Amino acid sequence: MSSFGPNGQPPRIAYHNGAWVSATGLTIPIDDLAITQGVTAVERIRADAGRLFQVDLHFKRWYHTLSVLGIDSLPNPKPLRELIDEVIDRNIEWVAANPDFGVILLASPSQSKGSTFVIDLFPIDRLAMKQRIDQGSALLTTEVKLPDPSCWPRSIKVRSRLHYYLAERQVRQHDPDALAVLLDNDGTITETAIANVLIVEHDQLLSPPVERILFGVSMQTVVELARRHGITWNQQPISIDRLREADEVLLTGTSCGLWFANRINGQNLPTDRPVYRKLRDAFDEFVRSQ
């Protein structure tokens, strides 16, 4: 039987550049490009009842990000899936203690010692997620903008997150529990550090144009479920006023999948959320059917 750590958790094993290492001792050299230039591809995949959520969509984004960053010589989809399965199998005791968990992939470009590539697991706080799903999250708009697409495509998922940090730091001075909404160059809304933002107007879904945001896997799922249930989805720039005046504001992200905003900039939103309830039920049924 494995020994348990000081927090009462079974030890966790991670994959790092072909080796199996203790996750608590996982390190990246100080001269790695992930440190010196913040060049790190990342993908987070939630597991539901031990099954990876929308893994094909996550892999599609992962390989797109690797291509843009020029990170090569990493496993193709089939061996990557086998490696992920092995990480989970090697952590059977940890998974039993953390049934709500996700898989994280990290990679940085080649240097003299080759690319850095890590597969690890992370716990998901079930109670915190249930609270978000049941009670929602507050949103505060900020003056912080997403980096211009001419810097790097917004379609890639990376660990260059200084803009999110600064936005959240600004918001914590006013409401430590609120999510910070970042803006685009024209002053319209984009996303938060952990969630895409959609609004409901006249029973229709509306989001910022997908080329202006990171089109998240959970958002892609919700949009498809909306289509199946006859709910129209459109893409338009969304002003702060339009966000505040929406009938409903929905949030999508890895840990919760789908939840809602309960207030915007201190202003409460309507508590009757028929579109959210319909899509939440559809989302839960989709997860159960996987």
C-alpha atoms as a PDB file:
ATOM      1  CA  MET A   1       0.000   0.000   0.000  1.00  0.00           C
ATOM      2  CA  SER A   2       1.308   3.462  -0.893  1.00  0.00           C
ATOM      3  CA  SER A   3       2.318   5.899   1.819  1.00  0.00           C
ATOM      4  CA  PHE A   4       0.238   9.035   2.177  1.00  0.00           C
ATOM      5  CA  GLY A   5       1.590  12.582   2.138  1.00  0.00           C
ATOM      6  CA  PRO A   6       1.298  15.143   4.947  1.00  0.00           C
ATOM      7  CA  ASN A   7      -2.059  16.328   3.566  1.00  0.00           C
ATOM      8  CA  GLY A   8      -3.490  12.817   3.813  1.00  0.00           C
ATOM      9  CA  GLN A   9      -3.491  12.388   0.045  1.00  0.00           C
ATOM     10  CA  PRO A  10      -1.999   9.398  -1.786  1.00  0.00           C
ATOM     11  CA  PRO A  11       1.146  10.327  -3.734  1.00  0.00           C
ATOM     12  CA  ARG A  12       0.661  11.458  -7.335  1.00  0.00           C
ATOM     13  CA  ILE A  13       2.879  10.418 -10.234  1.00  0.00           C
ATOM     14  CA  ALA A  14       3.480  12.648 -13.274  1.00  0.00           C
ATOM     15  CA  TYR A  15       5.013  12.018 -16.684  1.00  0.00           C
ATOM     16  CA  HIS A  16       7.976  14.286 -17.470  1.00  0.00           C
ATOM     17  CA  ASN A  17      10.046  13.912 -20.644  1.00  0.00           C
ATOM     18  CA  GLY A  18       9.825  10.137 -20.739  1.00  0.00           C
ATOM     19  CA  ALA A  19      10.232   9.601 -16.992  1.00  0.00           C
ATOM     20  CA  TRP A  20       7.763   8.906 -14.196  1.00  0.00           C
ATOM     21  CA  VAL A  21       8.320  11.291 -11.301  1.00  0.00           C
ATOM     22  CA  SER A  22       6.670  12.406  -8.091  1.00  0.00           C
ATOM     23  CA  ALA A  23       4.311  15.253  -8.956  1.00  0.00           C
ATOM     24  CA  THR A  24       5.367  17.109  -5.811  1.00  0.00           C
ATOM     25  CA  GLY A  25       8.982  17.017  -6.987  1.00  0.00           C
ATOM     26  CA  LEU A  26       8.267  17.950 -10.593  1.00  0.00           C
ATOM     27  CA  THR A  27      10.618  20.755 -11.655  1.00  0.00           C
ATOM     28  CA  ILE A  28      11.462  22.731 -14.799  1.00  0.00           C
ATOM     29  CA  PRO A  29      14.978  24.161 -15.242  1.00  0.00           C
ATOM     30  CA  ILE A  30      15.292  27.901 -14.699  1.00  0.00           C
ATOM     31  CA  ASP A  31      16.620  28.329 -18.256  1.00  0.00           C
ATOM     32  CA  ASP A  32      13.677  26.526 -19.853  1.00  0.00           C
ATOM     33  CA  LEU A  33      11.768  28.696 -22.351  1.00  0.00           C
ATOM     34  CA  ALA A  34       8.690  28.154 -20.200  1.00  0.00           C
ATOM     35  CA  ILE A  35      10.490  30.275 -17.575  1.00  0.00           C
ATOM     36  CA  THR A  36      12.691  32.627 -19.565  1.00  0.00           C
ATOM     37  CA  GLN A  37      10.055  33.628 -22.130  1.00  0.00           C
ATOM     38  CA  GLY A  38       6.799  32.168 -20.845  1.00  0.00           C
ATOM     39  CA  VAL A  39       6.425  29.987 -23.938  1.00  0.00           C
ATOM     40  CA  THR A  40       4.239  27.168 -22.650  1.00  0.00           C
ATOM     41  CA  ALA A  41       1.450  25.292 -24.377  1.00  0.00           C
ATOM     42  CA  VAL A  42      -1.200  24.034 -21.971  1.00  0.00           C
ATOM     43  CA  GLU A  43      -4.345  21.933 -22.140  1.00  0.00           C
ATOM     44  CA  ARG A  44      -6.668  21.020 -19.268  1.00  0.00           C
ATOM     45  CA  ILE A  45      -9.135  18.154 -19.744  1.00  0.00           C
ATOM     46  CA  ARG A  46     -11.805  17.405 -17.165  1.00  0.00           C
ATOM     47  CA  ALA A  47     -12.641  13.788 -16.346  1.00  0.00           C
ATOM     48  CA  ASP A  48     -16.266  12.910 -15.607  1.00  0.00           C
ATOM     49  CA  ALA A  49     -16.738   9.573 -13.844  1.00  0.00           C
ATOM     50  CA  GLY A  50     -13.235   8.732 -15.008  1.00  0.00           C
ATOM     51  CA  ARG A  51     -14.019   9.561 -18.660  1.00  0.00           C
ATOM     52  CA  LEU A  52     -12.179  12.389 -20.387  1.00  0.00           C
ATOM     53  CA  PHE A  53     -14.510  15.160 -21.567  1.00  0.00           C
ATOM     54  CA  GLN A  54     -14.497  15.972 -25.301  1.00  0.00           C
ATOM     55  CA  VAL A  55     -10.935  14.705 -25.642  1.00  0.00           C
ATOM     56  CA  ASP A  56     -10.920  15.044 -29.440  1.00  0.00           C
ATOM     57  CA  LEU A  57     -11.710  18.772 -29.218  1.00  0.00           C
ATOM     58  CA  HIS A  58      -9.025  19.225 -26.571  1.00  0.00           C
ATOM     59  CA  PHE A  59      -6.493  17.385 -28.717  1.00  0.00           C
ATOM     60  CA  LYS A  60      -7.411  19.521 -31.736  1.00  0.00           C
ATOM     61  CA  ARG A  61      -6.638  22.690 -29.767  1.00  0.00           C
ATOM     62  CA  TRP A  62      -3.507  21.159 -28.214  1.00  0.00           C
ATOM     63  CA  TYR A  63      -1.947  20.344 -31.585  1.00  0.00           C
ATOM     64  CA  HIS A  64      -2.971  23.735 -32.980  1.00  0.00           C
ATOM     65  CA  THR A  65      -1.181  25.423 -30.090  1.00  0.00           C
ATOM     66  CA  LEU A  66       1.909  23.243 -30.554  1.00  0.00           C
ATOM     67  CA  SER A  67       1.990  24.125 -34.244  1.00  0.00           C
ATOM     68  CA  VAL A  68       1.775  27.874 -33.628  1.00  0.00           C
ATOM     69  CA  LEU A  69       4.537  27.718 -30.986  1.00  0.00           C
ATOM     70  CA  GLY A  70       6.733  25.440 -33.084  1.00  0.00           C
ATOM     71  CA  ILE A  71       6.785  22.670 -30.495  1.00  0.00           C
ATOM     72  CA  ASP A  72       7.450  19.393 -32.267  1.00  0.00           C
ATOM     73  CA  SER A  73       8.614  15.839 -31.529  1.00  0.00           C
ATOM     74  CA  LEU A  74       5.756  15.265 -29.066  1.00  0.00           C
ATOM     75  CA  PRO A  75       3.470  12.218 -29.158  1.00  0.00           C
ATOM     76  CA  ASN A  76       0.756  11.996 -31.806  1.00  0.00           C
ATOM     77  CA  PRO A  77      -2.875  11.576 -30.678  1.00  0.00           C
ATOM     78  CA  LYS A  78      -2.920   7.780 -30.264  1.00  0.00           C
ATOM     79  CA  PRO A  79       0.295   7.486 -28.173  1.00  0.00           C
ATOM     80  CA  LEU A  80      -0.683  10.649 -26.301  1.00  0.00           C
ATOM     81  CA  ARG A  81      -3.994   9.101 -25.301  1.00  0.00           C
ATOM     82  CA  GLU A  82      -2.148   5.970 -24.209  1.00  0.00           C
ATOM     83  CA  LEU A  83       0.220   8.059 -22.080  1.00  0.00           C
ATOM     84  CA  ILE A  84      -2.700   9.887 -20.459  1.00  0.00           C
ATOM     85  CA  ASP A  85      -4.375   6.564 -19.693  1.00  0.00           C
ATOM     86  CA  GLU A  86      -1.135   5.324 -18.148  1.00  0.00           C
ATOM     87  CA  VAL A  87      -0.851   8.443 -15.979  1.00  0.00           C
ATOM     88  CA  ILE A  88      -4.372   7.779 -14.694  1.00  0.00           C
ATOM     89  CA  ASP A  89      -3.640   4.079 -14.163  1.00  0.00           C
ATOM     90  CA  ARG A  90      -0.456   4.847 -12.233  1.00  0.00           C
ATOM     91  CA  ASN A  91      -2.483   7.140  -9.979  1.00  0.00           C
ATOM     92  CA  ILE A  92      -5.332   4.778  -9.209  1.00  0.00           C
ATOM     93  CA  GLU A  93      -5.180   5.450  -5.450  1.00  0.00           C
ATOM     94  CA  TRP A  94      -4.977   9.225  -5.967  1.00  0.00           C
ATOM     95  CA  VAL A  95      -7.924   9.113  -8.393  1.00  0.00           C
ATOM     96  CA  ALA A  96      -9.943   7.084  -5.868  1.00  0.00           C
ATOM     97  CA  ALA A  97      -9.321   9.852  -3.320  1.00  0.00           C
ATOM     98  CA  ASN A  98     -10.007  12.586  -5.917  1.00  0.00           C
ATOM     99  CA  PRO A  99     -12.825  11.318  -8.151  1.00  0.00           C
ATOM    100  CA  ASP A 100     -13.315  14.841  -9.527  1.00  0.00           C
ATOM    101  CA  PHE A 101     -10.102  15.529 -11.379  1.00  0.00           C
ATOM    102  CA  GLY A 102      -8.582  16.683 -14.621  1.00  0.00           C
ATOM    103  CA  VAL A 103      -5.555  16.034 -16.807  1.00  0.00           C
ATOM    104  CA  ILE A 104      -3.108  18.811 -17.597  1.00  0.00           C
ATOM    105  CA  LEU A 105      -0.675  18.830 -20.528  1.00  0.00           C
ATOM    106  CA  LEU A 106       2.264  21.261 -20.566  1.00  0.00           C
ATOM    107  CA  ALA A 107       4.972  21.742 -23.195  1.00  0.00           C
ATOM    108  CA  SER A 108       7.670  24.259 -24.060  1.00  0.00           C
ATOM    109  CA  PRO A 109       9.827  24.392 -27.216  1.00  0.00           C
ATOM    110  CA  SER A 110      13.023  22.522 -27.911  1.00  0.00           C
ATOM    111  CA  GLN A 111      16.332  23.693 -26.524  1.00  0.00           C
ATOM    112  CA  SER A 112      19.651  21.887 -26.333  1.00  0.00           C
ATOM    113  CA  LYS A 113      18.028  19.200 -24.154  1.00  0.00           C
ATOM    114  CA  GLY A 114      14.838  18.947 -26.219  1.00  0.00           C
ATOM    115  CA  SER A 115      11.241  19.981 -25.569  1.00  0.00           C
ATOM    116  CA  THR A 116       9.766  19.971 -22.090  1.00  0.00           C
ATOM    117  CA  PHE A 117       6.635  17.820 -21.924  1.00  0.00           C
ATOM    118  CA  VAL A 118       4.568  17.088 -18.811  1.00  0.00           C
ATOM    119  CA  ILE A 119       1.354  15.176 -18.139  1.00  0.00           C
ATOM    120  CA  ASP A 120      -0.084  15.554 -14.654  1.00  0.00           C
ATOM    121  CA  LEU A 121      -3.422  15.347 -12.855  1.00  0.00           C
ATOM    122  CA  PHE A 122      -5.159  18.032 -10.826  1.00  0.00           C
ATOM    123  CA  PRO A 123      -8.044  17.845  -8.331  1.00  0.00           C
ATOM    124  CA  ILE A 124     -11.336  19.656  -8.916  1.00  0.00           C
ATOM    125  CA  ASP A 125     -13.072  21.033  -5.834  1.00  0.00           C
ATOM    126  CA  ARG A 126     -16.550  19.509  -6.162  1.00  0.00           C
ATOM    127  CA  LEU A 127     -18.119  21.722  -3.495  1.00  0.00           C
ATOM    128  CA  ALA A 128     -16.715  24.916  -5.000  1.00  0.00           C
ATOM    129  CA  MET A 129     -17.949  23.898  -8.425  1.00  0.00           C
ATOM    130  CA  LYS A 130     -21.406  23.022  -7.085  1.00  0.00           C
ATOM    131  CA  GLN A 131     -21.574  26.422  -5.423  1.00  0.00           C
ATOM    132  CA  ARG A 132     -20.819  28.122  -8.731  1.00  0.00           C
ATOM    133  CA  ILE A 133     -23.371  26.016 -10.587  1.00  0.00           C
ATOM    134  CA  ASP A 134     -26.079  26.632  -7.955  1.00  0.00           C
ATOM    135  CA  GLN A 135     -25.335  30.243  -7.009  1.00  0.00           C
ATOM    136  CA  GLY A 136     -23.393  31.693  -9.930  1.00  0.00           C
ATOM    137  CA  SER A 137     -20.439  34.057 -10.060  1.00  0.00           C
ATOM    138  CA  ALA A 138     -20.140  37.820  -9.911  1.00  0.00           C
ATOM    139  CA  LEU A 139     -18.432  39.555 -12.825  1.00  0.00           C
ATOM    140  CA  LEU A 140     -16.505  42.818 -12.811  1.00  0.00           C
ATOM    141  CA  THR A 141     -15.323  44.425 -16.020  1.00  0.00           C
ATOM    142  CA  THR A 142     -11.784  45.784 -15.998  1.00  0.00           C
ATOM    143  CA  GLU A 143      -9.622  48.119 -18.031  1.00  0.00           C
ATOM    144  CA  VAL A 144      -7.248  45.267 -18.853  1.00  0.00           C
ATOM    145  CA  LYS A 145      -7.296  44.145 -22.489  1.00  0.00           C
ATOM    146  CA  LEU A 146      -6.446  40.840 -24.099  1.00  0.00           C
ATOM    147  CA  PRO A 147      -3.169  40.938 -26.052  1.00  0.00           C
ATOM    148  CA  ASP A 148      -3.795  41.990 -29.626  1.00  0.00           C
ATOM    149  CA  PRO A 149      -4.160  39.045 -32.051  1.00  0.00           C
ATOM    150  CA  SER A 150      -1.139  40.406 -33.896  1.00  0.00           C
ATOM    151  CA  CYS A 151       0.918  39.343 -30.838  1.00  0.00           C
ATOM    152  CA  TRP A 152      -0.305  35.749 -30.848  1.00  0.00           C
ATOM    153  CA  PRO A 153      -3.549  34.063 -31.974  1.00  0.00           C
ATOM    154  CA  ARG A 154      -6.281  34.028 -29.360  1.00  0.00           C
ATOM    155  CA  SER A 155      -7.141  30.506 -30.516  1.00  0.00           C
ATOM    156  CA  ILE A 156      -4.120  28.983 -28.742  1.00  0.00           C
ATOM    157  CA  LYS A 157      -4.051  28.011 -25.059  1.00  0.00           C
ATOM    158  CA  VAL A 158      -0.834  29.075 -23.362  1.00  0.00           C
ATOM    159  CA  ARG A 159       0.522  29.907 -19.932  1.00  0.00           C
ATOM    160  CA  SER A 160       1.338  33.521 -20.874  1.00  0.00           C
ATOM    161  CA  ARG A 161      -1.317  34.897 -18.511  1.00  0.00           C
ATOM    162  CA  LEU A 162       0.003  38.199 -17.191  1.00  0.00           C
ATOM    163  CA  HIS A 163      -3.066  40.029 -18.533  1.00  0.00           C
ATOM    164  CA  TYR A 164      -5.385  37.715 -16.585  1.00  0.00           C
ATOM    165  CA  TYR A 165      -3.314  38.168 -13.436  1.00  0.00           C
ATOM    166  CA  LEU A 166      -3.453  41.966 -13.669  1.00  0.00           C
ATOM    167  CA  ALA A 167      -7.202  41.924 -14.321  1.00  0.00           C
ATOM    168  CA  GLU A 168      -7.859  39.637 -11.355  1.00  0.00           C
ATOM    169  CA  ARG A 169      -5.581  41.730  -9.138  1.00  0.00           C
ATOM    170  CA  GLN A 170      -7.613  44.811 -10.081  1.00  0.00           C
ATOM    171  CA  VAL A 171     -10.900  43.051  -9.327  1.00  0.00           C
ATOM    172  CA  ARG A 172      -9.788  41.629  -5.953  1.00  0.00           C
ATOM    173  CA  GLN A 173      -9.526  45.169  -4.597  1.00  0.00           C
ATOM    174  CA  HIS A 174     -13.321  45.492  -5.025  1.00  0.00           C
ATOM    175  CA  ASP A 175     -14.713  41.949  -4.781  1.00  0.00           C
ATOM    176  CA  PRO A 176     -12.375  39.037  -3.983  1.00  0.00           C
ATOM    177  CA  ASP A 177     -14.940  36.506  -5.221  1.00  0.00           C
ATOM    178  CA  ALA A 178     -15.708  38.129  -8.583  1.00  0.00           C
ATOM    179  CA  LEU A 179     -14.334  37.066 -11.961  1.00  0.00           C
ATOM    180  CA  ALA A 180     -12.519  39.698 -13.983  1.00  0.00           C
ATOM    181  CA  VAL A 181     -13.820  40.344 -17.496  1.00  0.00           C
ATOM    182  CA  LEU A 182     -11.146  41.532 -19.918  1.00  0.00           C
ATOM    183  CA  LEU A 183     -11.840  43.883 -22.812  1.00  0.00           C
ATOM    184  CA  ASP A 184     -10.948  44.021 -26.464  1.00  0.00           C
ATOM    185  CA  ASN A 185      -9.283  46.988 -28.168  1.00  0.00           C
ATOM    186  CA  ASP A 186     -12.682  48.473 -29.022  1.00  0.00           C
ATOM    187  CA  GLY A 187     -13.885  48.322 -25.409  1.00  0.00           C
ATOM    188  CA  THR A 188     -16.178  45.329 -25.906  1.00  0.00           C
ATOM    189  CA  ILE A 189     -15.948  42.306 -23.619  1.00  0.00           C
ATOM    190  CA  THR A 190     -13.927  39.161 -24.292  1.00  0.00           C
ATOM    191  CA  GLU A 191     -13.556  36.544 -21.520  1.00  0.00           C
ATOM    192  CA  THR A 192     -12.367  35.890 -17.983  1.00  0.00           C
ATOM    193  CA  ALA A 193      -9.282  33.937 -16.910  1.00  0.00           C
ATOM    194  CA  ILE A 194     -11.350  30.777 -16.401  1.00  0.00           C
ATOM    195  CA  ALA A 195     -14.484  31.217 -18.475  1.00  0.00           C
ATOM    196  CA  ASN A 196     -15.978  32.218 -21.783  1.00  0.00           C
ATOM    197  CA  VAL A 197     -18.878  34.656 -21.508  1.00  0.00           C
ATOM    198  CA  LEU A 198     -22.167  34.407 -23.406  1.00  0.00           C
ATOM    199  CA  ILE A 199     -25.299  36.490 -22.988  1.00  0.00           C
ATOM    200  CA  VAL A 200     -28.964  35.694 -23.578  1.00  0.00           C
ATOM    201  CA  GLU A 201     -31.136  38.201 -25.401  1.00  0.00           C
ATOM    202  CA  HIS A 202     -34.733  37.312 -26.315  1.00  0.00           C
ATOM    203  CA  ASP A 203     -34.023  33.594 -25.781  1.00  0.00           C
ATOM    204  CA  GLN A 204     -31.024  33.686 -28.126  1.00  0.00           C
ATOM    205  CA  LEU A 205     -27.364  33.119 -27.265  1.00  0.00           C
ATOM    206  CA  LEU A 206     -24.813  35.747 -28.168  1.00  0.00           C
ATOM    207  CA  SER A 207     -21.039  35.630 -27.774  1.00  0.00           C
ATOM    208  CA  PRO A 208     -18.087  37.726 -28.854  1.00  0.00           C
ATOM    209  CA  PRO A 209     -16.787  36.630 -32.280  1.00  0.00           C
ATOM    210  CA  VAL A 210     -14.821  33.434 -31.738  1.00  0.00           C
ATOM    211  CA  GLU A 211     -11.725  34.878 -33.412  1.00  0.00           C
ATOM    212  CA  ARG A 212     -11.622  37.447 -30.581  1.00  0.00           C
ATOM    213  CA  ILE A 213     -11.539  34.890 -27.755  1.00  0.00           C
ATOM    214  CA  LEU A 214     -10.217  31.479 -26.793  1.00  0.00           C
ATOM    215  CA  PHE A 215     -13.125  29.400 -28.111  1.00  0.00           C
ATOM    216  CA  GLY A 216     -13.229  26.985 -25.195  1.00  0.00           C
ATOM    217  CA  VAL A 217     -14.178  23.323 -25.447  1.00  0.00           C
ATOM    218  CA  SER A 218     -16.995  23.772 -22.913  1.00  0.00           C
ATOM    219  CA  MET A 219     -18.308  26.746 -24.906  1.00  0.00           C
ATOM    220  CA  GLN A 220     -18.187  24.702 -28.126  1.00  0.00           C
ATOM    221  CA  THR A 221     -20.193  21.994 -26.372  1.00  0.00           C
ATOM    222  CA  VAL A 222     -22.785  24.449 -25.046  1.00  0.00           C
ATOM    223  CA  VAL A 223     -23.178  26.070 -28.469  1.00  0.00           C
ATOM    224  CA  GLU A 224     -23.795  22.661 -30.057  1.00  0.00           C
ATOM    225  CA  LEU A 225     -26.293  21.716 -27.332  1.00  0.00           C
ATOM    226  CA  ALA A 226     -28.074  25.037 -27.887  1.00  0.00           C
ATOM    227  CA  ARG A 227     -28.367  24.228 -31.599  1.00  0.00           C
ATOM    228  CA  ARG A 228     -29.844  20.815 -30.803  1.00  0.00           C
ATOM    229  CA  HIS A 229     -32.453  22.453 -28.571  1.00  0.00           C
ATOM    230  CA  GLY A 230     -33.454  25.121 -31.065  1.00  0.00           C
ATOM    231  CA  ILE A 231     -31.606  27.990 -29.380  1.00  0.00           C
ATOM    232  CA  THR A 232     -29.977  30.337 -31.876  1.00  0.00           C
ATOM    233  CA  TRP A 233     -26.338  31.354 -31.362  1.00  0.00           C
ATOM    234  CA  ASN A 234     -24.921  34.534 -32.890  1.00  0.00           C
ATOM    235  CA  GLN A 235     -21.515  36.209 -32.659  1.00  0.00           C
ATOM    236  CA  GLN A 236     -21.254  39.974 -32.206  1.00  0.00           C
ATOM    237  CA  PRO A 237     -19.090  42.395 -30.240  1.00  0.00           C
ATOM    238  CA  ILE A 238     -20.760  42.873 -26.838  1.00  0.00           C
ATOM    239  CA  SER A 239     -20.529  46.201 -25.063  1.00  0.00           C
ATOM    240  CA  ILE A 240     -20.351  46.485 -21.274  1.00  0.00           C
ATOM    241  CA  ASP A 241     -23.830  48.037 -21.257  1.00  0.00           C
ATOM    242  CA  ARG A 242     -25.190  45.149 -23.302  1.00  0.00           C
ATOM    243  CA  LEU A 243     -23.596  42.673 -20.911  1.00  0.00           C
ATOM    244  CA  ARG A 244     -25.169  44.435 -17.937  1.00  0.00           C
ATOM    245  CA  GLU A 245     -28.613  44.579 -19.567  1.00  0.00           C
ATOM    246  CA  ALA A 246     -28.686  40.949 -20.746  1.00  0.00           C
ATOM    247  CA  ASP A 247     -31.561  38.649 -19.803  1.00  0.00           C
ATOM    248  CA  GLU A 248     -29.003  36.045 -18.691  1.00  0.00           C
ATOM    249  CA  VAL A 249     -25.222  35.765 -18.673  1.00  0.00           C
ATOM    250  CA  LEU A 250     -23.737  32.292 -19.057  1.00  0.00           C
ATOM    251  CA  LEU A 251     -20.198  31.169 -18.267  1.00  0.00           C
ATOM    252  CA  THR A 252     -18.398  28.125 -19.628  1.00  0.00           C
ATOM    253  CA  GLY A 253     -15.097  26.634 -18.500  1.00  0.00           C
ATOM    254  CA  THR A 254     -13.256  23.399 -17.809  1.00  0.00           C
ATOM    255  CA  SER A 255     -14.044  22.763 -14.143  1.00  0.00           C
ATOM    256  CA  CYS A 256     -17.776  23.623 -14.076  1.00  0.00           C
ATOM    257  CA  GLY A 257     -18.647  23.142 -17.708  1.00  0.00           C
ATOM    258  CA  LEU A 258     -21.547  25.617 -17.589  1.00  0.00           C
ATOM    259  CA  TRP A 259     -22.746  28.068 -14.958  1.00  0.00           C
ATOM    260  CA  PHE A 260     -24.059  31.640 -14.799  1.00  0.00           C
ATOM    261  CA  ALA A 261     -23.271  35.167 -13.665  1.00  0.00           C
ATOM    262  CA  ASN A 262     -25.436  36.482 -10.844  1.00  0.00           C
ATOM    263  CA  ARG A 263     -24.358  40.119 -11.021  1.00  0.00           C
ATOM    264  CA  ILE A 264     -22.378  42.476 -13.232  1.00  0.00           C
ATOM    265  CA  ASN A 265     -20.377  45.346 -11.739  1.00  0.00           C
ATOM    266  CA  GLY A 266     -22.433  45.132  -8.545  1.00  0.00           C
ATOM    267  CA  GLN A 267     -25.780  45.046 -10.345  1.00  0.00           C
ATOM    268  CA  ASN A 268     -27.878  41.916  -9.794  1.00  0.00           C
ATOM    269  CA  LEU A 269     -29.057  40.009 -12.838  1.00  0.00           C
ATOM    270  CA  PRO A 270     -32.557  38.480 -13.211  1.00  0.00           C
ATOM    271  CA  THR A 271     -32.949  35.297 -11.205  1.00  0.00           C
ATOM    272  CA  ASP A 272     -35.236  33.625 -13.738  1.00  0.00           C
ATOM    273  CA  ARG A 273     -32.798  31.807 -16.025  1.00  0.00           C
ATOM    274  CA  PRO A 274     -34.827  29.581 -18.386  1.00  0.00           C
ATOM    275  CA  VAL A 275     -32.102  29.277 -21.043  1.00  0.00           C
ATOM    276  CA  TYR A 276     -29.478  28.416 -18.441  1.00  0.00           C
ATOM    277  CA  ARG A 277     -31.711  25.772 -16.876  1.00  0.00           C
ATOM    278  CA  LYS A 278     -32.424  24.177 -20.250  1.00  0.00           C
ATOM    279  CA  LEU A 279     -28.769  24.151 -21.256  1.00  0.00           C
ATOM    280  CA  ARG A 280     -27.579  23.003 -17.831  1.00  0.00           C
ATOM    281  CA  ASP A 281     -29.915  20.011 -18.015  1.00  0.00           C
ATOM    282  CA  ALA A 282     -28.732  19.299 -21.554  1.00  0.00           C
ATOM    283  CA  PHE A 283     -25.092  19.605 -20.504  1.00  0.00           C
ATOM    284  CA  ASP A 284     -25.533  17.206 -17.581  1.00  0.00           C
ATOM    285  CA  GLU A 285     -27.288  14.700 -19.842  1.00  0.00           C
ATOM    286  CA  PHE A 286     -24.512  15.015 -22.422  1.00  0.00           C
ATOM    287  CA  VAL A 287     -21.882  14.291 -19.768  1.00  0.00           C
ATOM    288  CA  ARG A 288     -23.799  11.252 -18.511  1.00  0.00           C
ATOM    289  CA  SER A 289     -24.070   9.894 -22.054  1.00  0.00           C
ATOM    290  CA  GLN A 290     -20.340  10.024 -22.768  1.00  0.00           C
END
